[in-house]
């Protein structure tokens, strides 16, 4: 997958909307037009790029096209981000130790007597 696909804010917004649940092309077009001022054909091009990259899937129901996130397409992104998760998990654990009384070694003398 090419990272340039996610560089476009309208495409990222489409993925965010789809993360909330399946939507029609018309619903996506209306939301993206309102937020970014782009046309329905431009939204259709963004959807095609996302579909071709395997990030979204599309199903036809009559004249409507329903779009949804393709979890398989996000696995490559998730795998890449995985190497960084330890960085913020470690930072969050350190923060938790700082703000929770009794969790930090220097708090030993501050613990209430029971």
PDB file of N, CA and C in Angstrom:
ATOM      1  N   UNK A   1       0.837  -1.174   0.000  1.00  0.00           N
ATOM      2  CA  UNK A   1       0.000   0.000   0.000  1.00  0.00           C
ATOM      3  C   UNK A   1       0.882   1.237   0.000  1.00  0.00           C
ATOM      4  N   UNK A   2       0.481   2.205  -0.739  1.00  0.00           N
ATOM      5  CA  UNK A   2       1.222   3.446  -0.827  1.00  0.00           C
ATOM      6  C   UNK A   2       0.721   4.432   0.230  1.00  0.00           C
ATOM      7  N   UNK A   3       1.652   5.004   0.967  1.00  0.00           N
ATOM      8  CA  UNK A   3       1.287   5.938   2.034  1.00  0.00           C
ATOM      9  C   UNK A   3       0.717   7.242   1.477  1.00  0.00           C
ATOM     10  N   UNK A   4       0.983   7.546   0.209  1.00  0.00           N
ATOM     11  CA  UNK A   4       0.441   8.761  -0.392  1.00  0.00           C
ATOM     12  C   UNK A   4      -1.092   8.737  -0.384  1.00  0.00           C
ATOM     13  N   UNK A   5      -1.649   7.554  -0.408  1.00  0.00           N
ATOM     14  CA  UNK A   5      -3.110   7.422  -0.401  1.00  0.00           C
ATOM     15  C   UNK A   5      -3.694   8.058   0.852  1.00  0.00           C
ATOM     16  N   UNK A   6      -3.032   7.880   1.976  1.00  0.00           N
ATOM     17  CA  UNK A   6      -3.534   8.424   3.237  1.00  0.00           C
ATOM     18  C   UNK A   6      -3.084   9.851   3.492  1.00  0.00           C
ATOM     19  N   UNK A   7      -2.265  10.392   2.595  1.00  0.00           N
ATOM     20  CA  UNK A   7      -1.806  11.770   2.759  1.00  0.00           C
ATOM     21  C   UNK A   7      -2.933  12.765   2.506  1.00  0.00           C
ATOM     22  N   UNK A   8      -3.932  12.367   1.743  1.00  0.00           N
ATOM     23  CA  UNK A   8      -5.026  13.268   1.409  1.00  0.00           C
ATOM     24  C   UNK A   8      -6.034  13.329   2.560  1.00  0.00           C
ATOM     25  N   UNK A   9      -6.329  14.528   3.074  1.00  0.00           N
ATOM     26  CA  UNK A   9      -7.251  14.640   4.215  1.00  0.00           C
ATOM     27  C   UNK A   9      -8.669  14.158   3.902  1.00  0.00           C
ATOM     28  N   UNK A  10      -9.116  14.320   2.669  1.00  0.00           N
ATOM     29  CA  UNK A  10     -10.461  13.844   2.322  1.00  0.00           C
ATOM     30  C   UNK A  10     -10.523  12.327   2.390  1.00  0.00           C
ATOM     31  N   UNK A  11      -9.476  11.653   1.957  1.00  0.00           N
ATOM     32  CA  UNK A  11      -9.451  10.184   2.034  1.00  0.00           C
ATOM     33  C   UNK A  11      -9.400   9.721   3.476  1.00  0.00           C
ATOM     34  N   UNK A  12      -8.603  10.402   4.289  1.00  0.00           N
ATOM     35  CA  UNK A  12      -8.566  10.030   5.711  1.00  0.00           C
ATOM     36  C   UNK A  12      -9.943  10.225   6.337  1.00  0.00           C
ATOM     37  N   UNK A  13     -10.632  11.305   5.961  1.00  0.00           N
ATOM     38  CA  UNK A  13     -11.965  11.556   6.523  1.00  0.00           C
ATOM     39  C   UNK A  13     -12.949  10.483   6.085  1.00  0.00           C
ATOM     40  N   UNK A  14     -12.851  10.058   4.833  1.00  0.00           N
ATOM     41  CA  UNK A  14     -13.719   8.979   4.353  1.00  0.00           C
ATOM     42  C   UNK A  14     -13.496   7.727   5.199  1.00  0.00           C
ATOM     43  N   UNK A  15     -12.243   7.396   5.472  1.00  0.00           N
ATOM     44  CA  UNK A  15     -11.951   6.224   6.312  1.00  0.00           C
ATOM     45  C   UNK A  15     -12.505   6.412   7.720  1.00  0.00           C
ATOM     46  N   UNK A  16     -12.390   7.612   8.270  1.00  0.00           N
ATOM     47  CA  UNK A  16     -12.937   7.874   9.603  1.00  0.00           C
ATOM     48  C   UNK A  16     -14.446   7.669   9.622  1.00  0.00           C
ATOM     49  N   UNK A  17     -15.115   8.187   8.600  1.00  0.00           N
ATOM     50  CA  UNK A  17     -16.573   8.013   8.522  1.00  0.00           C
ATOM     51  C   UNK A  17     -16.937   6.537   8.409  1.00  0.00           C
ATOM     52  N   UNK A  18     -16.177   5.806   7.607  1.00  0.00           N
ATOM     53  CA  UNK A  18     -16.467   4.381   7.429  1.00  0.00           C
ATOM     54  C   UNK A  18     -16.118   3.558   8.664  1.00  0.00           C
ATOM     55  N   UNK A  19     -15.205   4.061   9.484  1.00  0.00           N
ATOM     56  CA  UNK A  19     -14.888   3.363  10.730  1.00  0.00           C
ATOM     57  C   UNK A  19     -16.103   3.338  11.656  1.00  0.00           C
ATOM     58  N   UNK A  20     -17.017   4.290  11.468  1.00  0.00           N
ATOM     59  CA  UNK A  20     -18.246   4.341  12.261  1.00  0.00           C
ATOM     60  C   UNK A  20     -19.305   3.381  11.733  1.00  0.00           C
ATOM     61  N   UNK A  21     -19.135   2.919  10.500  1.00  0.00           N
ATOM     62  CA  UNK A  21     -20.080   1.982   9.918  1.00  0.00           C
ATOM     63  C   UNK A  21     -20.223   2.189   8.420  1.00  0.00           C
ATOM     64  N   UNK A  22     -20.847   1.230   7.802  1.00  0.00           N
ATOM     65  CA  UNK A  22     -21.054   1.235   6.358  1.00  0.00           C
ATOM     66  C   UNK A  22     -21.897   2.454   5.945  1.00  0.00           C
ATOM     67  N   UNK A  23     -21.539   3.040   4.800  1.00  0.00           N
ATOM     68  CA  UNK A  23     -22.271   4.202   4.286  1.00  0.00           C
ATOM     69  C   UNK A  23     -22.385   4.125   2.774  1.00  0.00           C
ATOM     70  N   UNK A  24     -23.392   4.802   2.263  1.00  0.00           N
ATOM     71  CA  UNK A  24     -23.545   4.853   0.810  1.00  0.00           C
ATOM     72  C   UNK A  24     -22.582   5.883   0.229  1.00  0.00           C
ATOM     73  N   UNK A  25     -22.341   5.737  -1.067  1.00  0.00           N
ATOM     74  CA  UNK A  25     -21.498   6.708  -1.762  1.00  0.00           C
ATOM     75  C   UNK A  25     -22.098   8.106  -1.632  1.00  0.00           C
ATOM     76  N   UNK A  26     -23.408   8.205  -1.705  1.00  0.00           N
ATOM     77  CA  UNK A  26     -24.078   9.500  -1.566  1.00  0.00           C
ATOM     78  C   UNK A  26     -23.874  10.127  -0.199  1.00  0.00           C
ATOM     79  N   UNK A  27     -23.961   9.313   0.856  1.00  0.00           N
ATOM     80  CA  UNK A  27     -23.731   9.823   2.209  1.00  0.00           C
ATOM     81  C   UNK A  27     -22.295  10.314   2.363  1.00  0.00           C
ATOM     82  N   UNK A  28     -21.363   9.547   1.847  1.00  0.00           N
ATOM     83  CA  UNK A  28     -19.953   9.945   1.926  1.00  0.00           C
ATOM     84  C   UNK A  28     -19.704  11.215   1.131  1.00  0.00           C
ATOM     85  N   UNK A  29     -20.274  11.277  -0.064  1.00  0.00           N
ATOM     86  CA  UNK A  29     -20.102  12.447  -0.912  1.00  0.00           C
ATOM     87  C   UNK A  29     -20.640  13.699  -0.237  1.00  0.00           C
ATOM     88  N   UNK A  30     -21.818  13.603   0.378  1.00  0.00           N
ATOM     89  CA  UNK A  30     -22.418  14.752   1.062  1.00  0.00           C
ATOM     90  C   UNK A  30     -21.536  15.217   2.224  1.00  0.00           C
ATOM     91  N   UNK A  31     -21.035  14.275   3.009  1.00  0.00           N
ATOM     92  CA  UNK A  31     -20.201  14.627   4.162  1.00  0.00           C
ATOM     93  C   UNK A  31     -18.885  15.263   3.715  1.00  0.00           C
ATOM     94  N   UNK A  32     -18.257  14.689   2.719  1.00  0.00           N
ATOM     95  CA  UNK A  32     -16.977  15.202   2.249  1.00  0.00           C
ATOM     96  C   UNK A  32     -17.175  16.553   1.545  1.00  0.00           C
ATOM     97  N   UNK A  33     -18.259  16.695   0.810  1.00  0.00           N
ATOM     98  CA  UNK A  33     -18.543  17.977   0.148  1.00  0.00           C
ATOM     99  C   UNK A  33     -18.736  19.079   1.180  1.00  0.00           C
ATOM    100  N   UNK A  34     -19.440  18.761   2.262  1.00  0.00           N
ATOM    101  CA  UNK A  34     -19.679  19.752   3.311  1.00  0.00           C
ATOM    102  C   UNK A  34     -18.386  20.169   3.996  1.00  0.00           C
ATOM    103  N   UNK A  35     -17.528  19.206   4.274  1.00  0.00           N
ATOM    104  CA  UNK A  35     -16.301  19.498   5.012  1.00  0.00           C
ATOM    105  C   UNK A  35     -15.178  20.048   4.147  1.00  0.00           C
ATOM    106  N   UNK A  36     -15.074  19.565   2.905  1.00  0.00           N
ATOM    107  CA  UNK A  36     -13.932  19.924   2.065  1.00  0.00           C
ATOM    108  C   UNK A  36     -14.311  20.701   0.811  1.00  0.00           C
ATOM    109  N   UNK A  37     -15.614  20.802   0.535  1.00  0.00           N
ATOM    110  CA  UNK A  37     -16.056  21.532  -0.637  1.00  0.00           C
ATOM    111  C   UNK A  37     -15.688  20.868  -1.953  1.00  0.00           C
ATOM    112  N   UNK A  38     -15.619  19.543  -1.966  1.00  0.00           N
ATOM    113  CA  UNK A  38     -15.288  18.857  -3.216  1.00  0.00           C
ATOM    114  C   UNK A  38     -16.548  18.236  -3.813  1.00  0.00           C
ATOM    115  N   UNK A  39     -16.504  18.012  -5.101  1.00  0.00           N
ATOM    116  CA  UNK A  39     -17.675  17.520  -5.832  1.00  0.00           C
ATOM    117  C   UNK A  39     -17.885  16.021  -5.649  1.00  0.00           C
ATOM    118  N   UNK A  40     -19.071  15.565  -6.061  1.00  0.00           N
ATOM    119  CA  UNK A  40     -19.383  14.134  -6.022  1.00  0.00           C
ATOM    120  C   UNK A  40     -18.403  13.337  -6.901  1.00  0.00           C
ATOM    121  N   UNK A  41     -18.089  13.800  -8.127  1.00  0.00           N
ATOM    122  CA  UNK A  41     -17.114  13.045  -8.925  1.00  0.00           C
ATOM    123  C   UNK A  41     -15.735  12.957  -8.259  1.00  0.00           C
ATOM    124  N   UNK A  42     -15.334  14.014  -7.563  1.00  0.00           N
ATOM    125  CA  UNK A  42     -14.043  13.981  -6.859  1.00  0.00           C
ATOM    126  C   UNK A  42     -14.097  12.969  -5.717  1.00  0.00           C
ATOM    127  N   UNK A  43     -15.221  12.931  -4.994  1.00  0.00           N
ATOM    128  CA  UNK A  43     -15.381  11.949  -3.925  1.00  0.00           C
ATOM    129  C   UNK A  43     -15.350  10.536  -4.501  1.00  0.00           C
ATOM    130  N   UNK A  44     -15.994  10.341  -5.640  1.00  0.00           N
ATOM    131  CA  UNK A  44     -15.976   9.029  -6.297  1.00  0.00           C
ATOM    132  C   UNK A  44     -14.548   8.612  -6.649  1.00  0.00           C
ATOM    133  N   UNK A  45     -13.744   9.561  -7.099  1.00  0.00           N
ATOM    134  CA  UNK A  45     -12.336   9.243  -7.405  1.00  0.00           C
ATOM    135  C   UNK A  45     -11.588   8.832  -6.135  1.00  0.00           C
ATOM    136  N   UNK A  46     -11.829   9.544  -5.036  1.00  0.00           N
ATOM    137  CA  UNK A  46     -11.198   9.181  -3.758  1.00  0.00           C
ATOM    138  C   UNK A  46     -11.619   7.771  -3.332  1.00  0.00           C
ATOM    139  N   UNK A  47     -12.898   7.471  -3.478  1.00  0.00           N
ATOM    140  CA  UNK A  47     -13.389   6.139  -3.123  1.00  0.00           C
ATOM    141  C   UNK A  47     -12.741   5.070  -3.999  1.00  0.00           C
ATOM    142  N   UNK A  48     -12.570   5.357  -5.272  1.00  0.00           N
ATOM    143  CA  UNK A  48     -11.930   4.394  -6.170  1.00  0.00           C
ATOM    144  C   UNK A  48     -10.472   4.149  -5.758  1.00  0.00           C
ATOM    145  N   UNK A  49      -9.767   5.224  -5.402  1.00  0.00           N
ATOM    146  CA  UNK A  49      -8.371   5.087  -4.958  1.00  0.00           C
ATOM    147  C   UNK A  49      -8.309   4.223  -3.694  1.00  0.00           C
ATOM    148  N   UNK A  50      -9.194   4.495  -2.743  1.00  0.00           N
ATOM    149  CA  UNK A  50      -9.222   3.711  -1.498  1.00  0.00           C
ATOM    150  C   UNK A  50      -9.587   2.255  -1.764  1.00  0.00           C
ATOM    151  N   UNK A  51     -10.530   2.041  -2.670  1.00  0.00           N
ATOM    152  CA  UNK A  51     -10.934   0.673  -3.018  1.00  0.00           C
ATOM    153  C   UNK A  51      -9.795  -0.058  -3.726  1.00  0.00           C
ATOM    154  N   UNK A  52      -9.148   0.601  -4.690  1.00  0.00           N
ATOM    155  CA  UNK A  52      -8.034  -0.018  -5.409  1.00  0.00           C
ATOM    156  C   UNK A  52      -6.866  -0.353  -4.485  1.00  0.00           C
ATOM    157  N   UNK A  53      -6.707   0.442  -3.430  1.00  0.00           N
ATOM    158  CA  UNK A  53      -5.642   0.185  -2.457  1.00  0.00           C
ATOM    159  C   UNK A  53      -6.026  -0.899  -1.464  1.00  0.00           C
ATOM    160  N   UNK A  54      -7.289  -1.341  -1.500  1.00  0.00           N
ATOM    161  CA  UNK A  54      -7.741  -2.387  -0.595  1.00  0.00           C
ATOM    162  C   UNK A  54      -8.124  -1.886   0.784  1.00  0.00           C
ATOM    163  N   UNK A  55      -8.270  -0.564   0.952  1.00  0.00           N
ATOM    164  CA  UNK A  55      -8.619  -0.011   2.259  1.00  0.00           C
ATOM    165  C   UNK A  55     -10.119   0.017   2.510  1.00  0.00           C
ATOM    166  N   UNK A  56     -10.903   0.048   1.438  1.00  0.00           N
ATOM    167  CA  UNK A  56     -12.360  -0.017   1.568  1.00  0.00           C
ATOM    168  C   UNK A  56     -12.886  -1.069   0.606  1.00  0.00           C
ATOM    169  N   UNK A  57     -14.077  -1.542   0.909  1.00  0.00           N
ATOM    170  CA  UNK A  57     -14.755  -2.467  -0.004  1.00  0.00           C
ATOM    171  C   UNK A  57     -16.104  -1.866  -0.354  1.00  0.00           C
ATOM    172  N   UNK A  58     -16.625  -2.305  -1.465  1.00  0.00           N
ATOM    173  CA  UNK A  58     -17.867  -1.755  -1.975  1.00  0.00           C
ATOM    174  C   UNK A  58     -18.803  -2.900  -2.338  1.00  0.00           C
ATOM    175  N   UNK A  59     -20.089  -2.693  -2.048  1.00  0.00           N
ATOM    176  CA  UNK A  59     -21.087  -3.672  -2.476  1.00  0.00           C
ATOM    177  C   UNK A  59     -22.250  -2.915  -3.096  1.00  0.00           C
ATOM    178  N   UNK A  60     -22.793  -3.505  -4.124  1.00  0.00           N
ATOM    179  CA  UNK A  60     -23.927  -2.889  -4.820  1.00  0.00           C
ATOM    180  C   UNK A  60     -25.222  -3.420  -4.234  1.00  0.00           C
ATOM    181  N   UNK A  61     -26.160  -2.524  -4.058  1.00  0.00           N
ATOM    182  CA  UNK A  61     -27.510  -2.870  -3.634  1.00  0.00           C
ATOM    183  C   UNK A  61     -28.450  -2.030  -4.486  1.00  0.00           C
ATOM    184  N   UNK A  62     -28.916  -2.611  -5.570  1.00  0.00           N
ATOM    185  CA  UNK A  62     -29.696  -1.838  -6.533  1.00  0.00           C
ATOM    186  C   UNK A  62     -28.802  -0.784  -7.163  1.00  0.00           C
ATOM    187  N   UNK A  63     -29.266   0.439  -7.161  1.00  0.00           N
ATOM    188  CA  UNK A  63     -28.482   1.539  -7.728  1.00  0.00           C
ATOM    189  C   UNK A  63     -27.495   2.123  -6.721  1.00  0.00           C
ATOM    190  N   UNK A  64     -27.587   1.715  -5.489  1.00  0.00           N
ATOM    191  CA  UNK A  64     -26.707   2.251  -4.437  1.00  0.00           C
ATOM    192  C   UNK A  64     -25.421   1.455  -4.330  1.00  0.00           C
ATOM    193  N   UNK A  65     -24.375   2.164  -3.944  1.00  0.00           N
ATOM    194  CA  UNK A  65     -23.087   1.545  -3.642  1.00  0.00           C
ATOM    195  C   UNK A  65     -22.807   1.795  -2.167  1.00  0.00           C
ATOM    196  N   UNK A  66     -22.639   0.715  -1.426  1.00  0.00           N
ATOM    197  CA  UNK A  66     -22.346   0.792   0.002  1.00  0.00           C
ATOM    198  C   UNK A  66     -20.859   0.545   0.208  1.00  0.00           C
ATOM    199  N   UNK A  67     -20.229   1.412   0.995  1.00  0.00           N
ATOM    200  CA  UNK A  67     -18.805   1.303   1.275  1.00  0.00           C
ATOM    201  C   UNK A  67     -18.584   0.973   2.743  1.00  0.00           C
ATOM    202  N   UNK A  68     -17.513   0.230   2.988  1.00  0.00           N
ATOM    203  CA  UNK A  68     -17.119  -0.135   4.355  1.00  0.00           C
ATOM    204  C   UNK A  68     -15.603  -0.244   4.392  1.00  0.00           C
ATOM    205  N   UNK A  69     -15.057  -0.108   5.585  1.00  0.00           N
ATOM    206  CA  UNK A  69     -13.619  -0.306   5.765  1.00  0.00           C
ATOM    207  C   UNK A  69     -13.308  -1.772   5.507  1.00  0.00           C
ATOM    208  N   UNK A  70     -12.203  -2.021   4.853  1.00  0.00           N
ATOM    209  CA  UNK A  70     -11.715  -3.378   4.649  1.00  0.00           C
ATOM    210  C   UNK A  70     -10.617  -3.629   5.687  1.00  0.00           C
ATOM    211  N   UNK A  71     -10.913  -4.360   6.767  1.00  0.00           N
ATOM    212  CA  UNK A  71      -9.919  -4.581   7.815  1.00  0.00           C
ATOM    213  C   UNK A  71      -8.623  -5.205   7.290  1.00  0.00           C
ATOM    214  N   UNK A  72      -8.726  -6.078   6.303  1.00  0.00           N
ATOM    215  CA  UNK A  72      -7.518  -6.692   5.752  1.00  0.00           C
ATOM    216  C   UNK A  72      -6.595  -5.641   5.157  1.00  0.00           C
ATOM    217  N   UNK A  73      -7.162  -4.614   4.564  1.00  0.00           N
ATOM    218  CA  UNK A  73      -6.359  -3.566   3.956  1.00  0.00           C
ATOM    219  C   UNK A  73      -5.624  -2.718   4.975  1.00  0.00           C
ATOM    220  N   UNK A  74      -6.115  -2.712   6.194  1.00  0.00           N
ATOM    221  CA  UNK A  74      -5.477  -1.913   7.241  1.00  0.00           C
ATOM    222  C   UNK A  74      -4.380  -2.676   7.980  1.00  0.00           C
ATOM    223  N   UNK A  75      -4.243  -3.962   7.718  1.00  0.00           N
ATOM    224  CA  UNK A  75      -3.246  -4.768   8.431  1.00  0.00           C
ATOM    225  C   UNK A  75      -1.819  -4.274   8.195  1.00  0.00           C
ATOM    226  N   UNK A  76      -1.509  -3.866   6.978  1.00  0.00           N
ATOM    227  CA  UNK A  76      -0.161  -3.375   6.680  1.00  0.00           C
ATOM    228  C   UNK A  76       0.143  -2.113   7.488  1.00  0.00           C
ATOM    229  N   UNK A  77      -0.841  -1.239   7.578  1.00  0.00           N
ATOM    230  CA  UNK A  77      -0.672  -0.016   8.366  1.00  0.00           C
ATOM    231  C   UNK A  77      -0.493  -0.376   9.836  1.00  0.00           C
ATOM    232  N   UNK A  78      -1.323  -1.286  10.321  1.00  0.00           N
ATOM    233  CA  UNK A  78      -1.246  -1.707  11.712  1.00  0.00           C
ATOM    234  C   UNK A  78       0.106  -2.348  12.020  1.00  0.00           C
ATOM    235  N   UNK A  79       0.609  -3.161  11.111  1.00  0.00           N
ATOM    236  CA  UNK A  79       1.911  -3.805  11.313  1.00  0.00           C
ATOM    237  C   UNK A  79       3.022  -2.762  11.379  1.00  0.00           C
ATOM    238  N   UNK A  80       2.938  -1.755  10.532  1.00  0.00           N
ATOM    239  CA  UNK A  80       3.952  -0.705  10.541  1.00  0.00           C
ATOM    240  C   UNK A  80       3.894   0.081  11.851  1.00  0.00           C
ATOM    241  N   UNK A  81       2.683   0.403  12.309  1.00  0.00           N
ATOM    242  CA  UNK A  81       2.524   1.162  13.546  1.00  0.00           C
ATOM    243  C   UNK A  81       2.916   0.350  14.776  1.00  0.00           C
ATOM    244  N   UNK A  82       2.856  -0.971  14.671  1.00  0.00           N
ATOM    245  CA  UNK A  82       3.135  -1.835  15.811  1.00  0.00           C
ATOM    246  C   UNK A  82       4.504  -1.570  16.419  1.00  0.00           C
ATOM    247  N   UNK A  83       5.481  -1.257  15.577  1.00  0.00           N
ATOM    248  CA  UNK A  83       6.825  -1.011  16.117  1.00  0.00           C
ATOM    249  C   UNK A  83       6.893   0.236  16.983  1.00  0.00           C
ATOM    250  N   UNK A  84       5.902   1.112  16.873  1.00  0.00           N
ATOM    251  CA  UNK A  84       5.881   2.344  17.655  1.00  0.00           C
ATOM    252  C   UNK A  84       5.006   2.255  18.896  1.00  0.00           C
ATOM    253  N   UNK A  85       4.164   1.237  18.966  1.00  0.00           N
ATOM    254  CA  UNK A  85       3.244   1.120  20.100  1.00  0.00           C
ATOM    255  C   UNK A  85       3.985   1.061  21.432  1.00  0.00           C
ATOM    256  N   UNK A  86       5.099   0.373  21.461  1.00  0.00           N
ATOM    257  CA  UNK A  86       5.876   0.279  22.695  1.00  0.00           C
ATOM    258  C   UNK A  86       6.308   1.634  23.213  1.00  0.00           C
ATOM    259  N   UNK A  87       6.542   2.565  22.297  1.00  0.00           N
ATOM    260  CA  UNK A  87       6.969   3.901  22.710  1.00  0.00           C
ATOM    261  C   UNK A  87       5.896   4.605  23.520  1.00  0.00           C
ATOM    262  N   UNK A  88       4.670   4.604  23.013  1.00  0.00           N
ATOM    263  CA  UNK A  88       3.641   5.319  23.764  1.00  0.00           C
ATOM    264  C   UNK A  88       3.108   4.499  24.916  1.00  0.00           C
ATOM    265  N   UNK A  89       3.139   3.181  24.841  1.00  0.00           N
ATOM    266  CA  UNK A  89       2.702   2.375  25.978  1.00  0.00           C
ATOM    267  C   UNK A  89       3.646   2.571  27.155  1.00  0.00           C
ATOM    268  N   UNK A  90       4.939   2.640  26.864  1.00  0.00           N
ATOM    269  CA  UNK A  90       5.920   2.890  27.914  1.00  0.00           C
ATOM    270  C   UNK A  90       5.711   4.276  28.522  1.00  0.00           C
ATOM    271  N   UNK A  91       5.476   5.254  27.658  1.00  0.00           N
ATOM    272  CA  UNK A  91       5.251   6.619  28.144  1.00  0.00           C
ATOM    273  C   UNK A  91       3.988   6.686  28.989  1.00  0.00           C
ATOM    274  N   UNK A  92       2.945   5.993  28.582  1.00  0.00           N
ATOM    275  CA  UNK A  92       1.704   6.006  29.354  1.00  0.00           C
ATOM    276  C   UNK A  92       1.880   5.309  30.696  1.00  0.00           C
ATOM    277  N   UNK A  93       2.653   4.227  30.728  1.00  0.00           N
ATOM    278  CA  UNK A  93       2.911   3.546  31.999  1.00  0.00           C
ATOM    279  C   UNK A  93       3.685   4.459  32.939  1.00  0.00           C
ATOM    280  N   UNK A  94       4.657   5.190  32.394  1.00  0.00           N
ATOM    281  CA  UNK A  94       5.430   6.130  33.212  1.00  0.00           C
ATOM    282  C   UNK A  94       4.537   7.236  33.742  1.00  0.00           C
ATOM    283  N   UNK A  95       3.662   7.743  32.900  1.00  0.00           N
ATOM    284  CA  UNK A  95       2.738   8.789  33.331  1.00  0.00           C
ATOM    285  C   UNK A  95       1.820   8.268  34.420  1.00  0.00           C
ATOM    286  N   UNK A  96       1.316   7.057  34.239  1.00  0.00           N
ATOM    287  CA  UNK A  96       0.435   6.462  35.243  1.00  0.00           C
ATOM    288  C   UNK A  96       1.152   6.337  36.584  1.00  0.00           C
ATOM    289  N   UNK A  97       2.421   5.927  36.548  1.00  0.00           N
ATOM    290  CA  UNK A  97       3.191   5.795  37.786  1.00  0.00           C
ATOM    291  C   UNK A  97       3.384   7.160  38.457  1.00  0.00           C
ATOM    292  N   UNK A  98       3.499   8.207  37.649  1.00  0.00           N
ATOM    293  CA  UNK A  98       3.683   9.545  38.199  1.00  0.00           C
ATOM    294  C   UNK A  98       2.410  10.088  38.845  1.00  0.00           C
ATOM    295  N   UNK A  99       1.267   9.782  38.267  1.00  0.00           N
ATOM    296  CA  UNK A  99       0.044  10.407  38.775  1.00  0.00           C
ATOM    297  C   UNK A  99      -0.705   9.562  39.795  1.00  0.00           C
ATOM    298  N   UNK A 100      -0.425   8.270  39.863  1.00  0.00           N
ATOM    299  CA  UNK A 100      -1.101   7.424  40.844  1.00  0.00           C
ATOM    300  C   UNK A 100      -0.291   7.381  42.126  1.00  0.00           C
ATOM    301  N   UNK A 101      -0.862   7.822  43.232  1.00  0.00           N
ATOM    302  CA  UNK A 101      -0.140   7.779  44.511  1.00  0.00           C
ATOM    303  C   UNK A 101       0.255   6.341  44.872  1.00  0.00           C
ATOM    304  N   UNK A 102       1.462   6.204  45.347  1.00  0.00           N
ATOM    305  CA  UNK A 102       1.924   4.903  45.795  1.00  0.00           C
ATOM    306  C   UNK A 102       2.496   4.029  44.703  1.00  0.00           C
ATOM    307  N   UNK A 103       2.425   4.431  43.456  1.00  0.00           N
ATOM    308  CA  UNK A 103       2.955   3.617  42.358  1.00  0.00           C
ATOM    309  C   UNK A 103       4.408   3.958  42.052  1.00  0.00           C
ATOM    310  N   UNK A 104       4.848   5.134  42.446  1.00  0.00           N
ATOM    311  CA  UNK A 104       6.214   5.558  42.152  1.00  0.00           C
ATOM    312  C   UNK A 104       7.070   5.283  43.379  1.00  0.00           C
ATOM    313  N   UNK A 105       8.305   4.807  43.197  1.00  0.00           N
ATOM    314  CA  UNK A 105       9.153   4.477  44.354  1.00  0.00           C
ATOM    315  C   UNK A 105       9.312   5.630  45.342  1.00  0.00           C
ATOM    316  N   UNK A 106       9.375   6.857  44.886  1.00  0.00           N
ATOM    317  CA  UNK A 106       9.557   7.972  45.816  1.00  0.00           C
ATOM    318  C   UNK A 106       8.309   8.241  46.649  1.00  0.00           C
ATOM    319  N   UNK A 107       7.183   7.584  46.277  1.00  0.00           N
ATOM    320  CA  UNK A 107       5.947   7.750  47.028  1.00  0.00           C
ATOM    321  C   UNK A 107       5.862   6.799  48.217  1.00  0.00           C
ATOM    322  N   UNK A 108       6.856   5.939  48.383  1.00  0.00           N
ATOM    323  CA  UNK A 108       6.814   4.959  49.475  1.00  0.00           C
ATOM    324  C   UNK A 108       6.598   5.644  50.817  1.00  0.00           C
ATOM    325  N   UNK A 109       7.259   6.768  51.035  1.00  0.00           N
ATOM    326  CA  UNK A 109       7.127   7.458  52.324  1.00  0.00           C
ATOM    327  C   UNK A 109       5.807   8.202  52.462  1.00  0.00           C
ATOM    328  N   UNK A 110       5.072   8.357  51.353  1.00  0.00           N
ATOM    329  CA  UNK A 110       3.796   9.077  51.382  1.00  0.00           C
ATOM    330  C   UNK A 110       2.596   8.167  51.536  1.00  0.00           C
ATOM    331  N   UNK A 111       2.788   6.880  51.493  1.00  0.00           N
ATOM    332  CA  UNK A 111       1.645   5.952  51.577  1.00  0.00           C
ATOM    333  C   UNK A 111       0.969   6.086  52.932  1.00  0.00           C
ATOM    334  N   UNK A 112      -0.345   6.124  52.906  1.00  0.00           N
ATOM    335  CA  UNK A 112      -1.072   6.212  54.193  1.00  0.00           C
ATOM    336  C   UNK A 112      -0.899   4.916  54.982  1.00  0.00           C
ATOM    337  N   UNK A 113      -0.863   5.044  56.285  1.00  0.00           N
ATOM    338  CA  UNK A 113      -0.744   3.896  57.168  1.00  0.00           C
ATOM    339  C   UNK A 113      -2.091   3.194  57.242  1.00  0.00           C
ATOM    340  N   UNK A 114      -2.099   1.898  57.248  1.00  0.00           N
ATOM    341  CA  UNK A 114      -3.349   1.132  57.325  1.00  0.00           C
ATOM    342  C   UNK A 114      -3.398   0.351  58.580  1.00  0.00           C
TER     343      UNK A 114
END
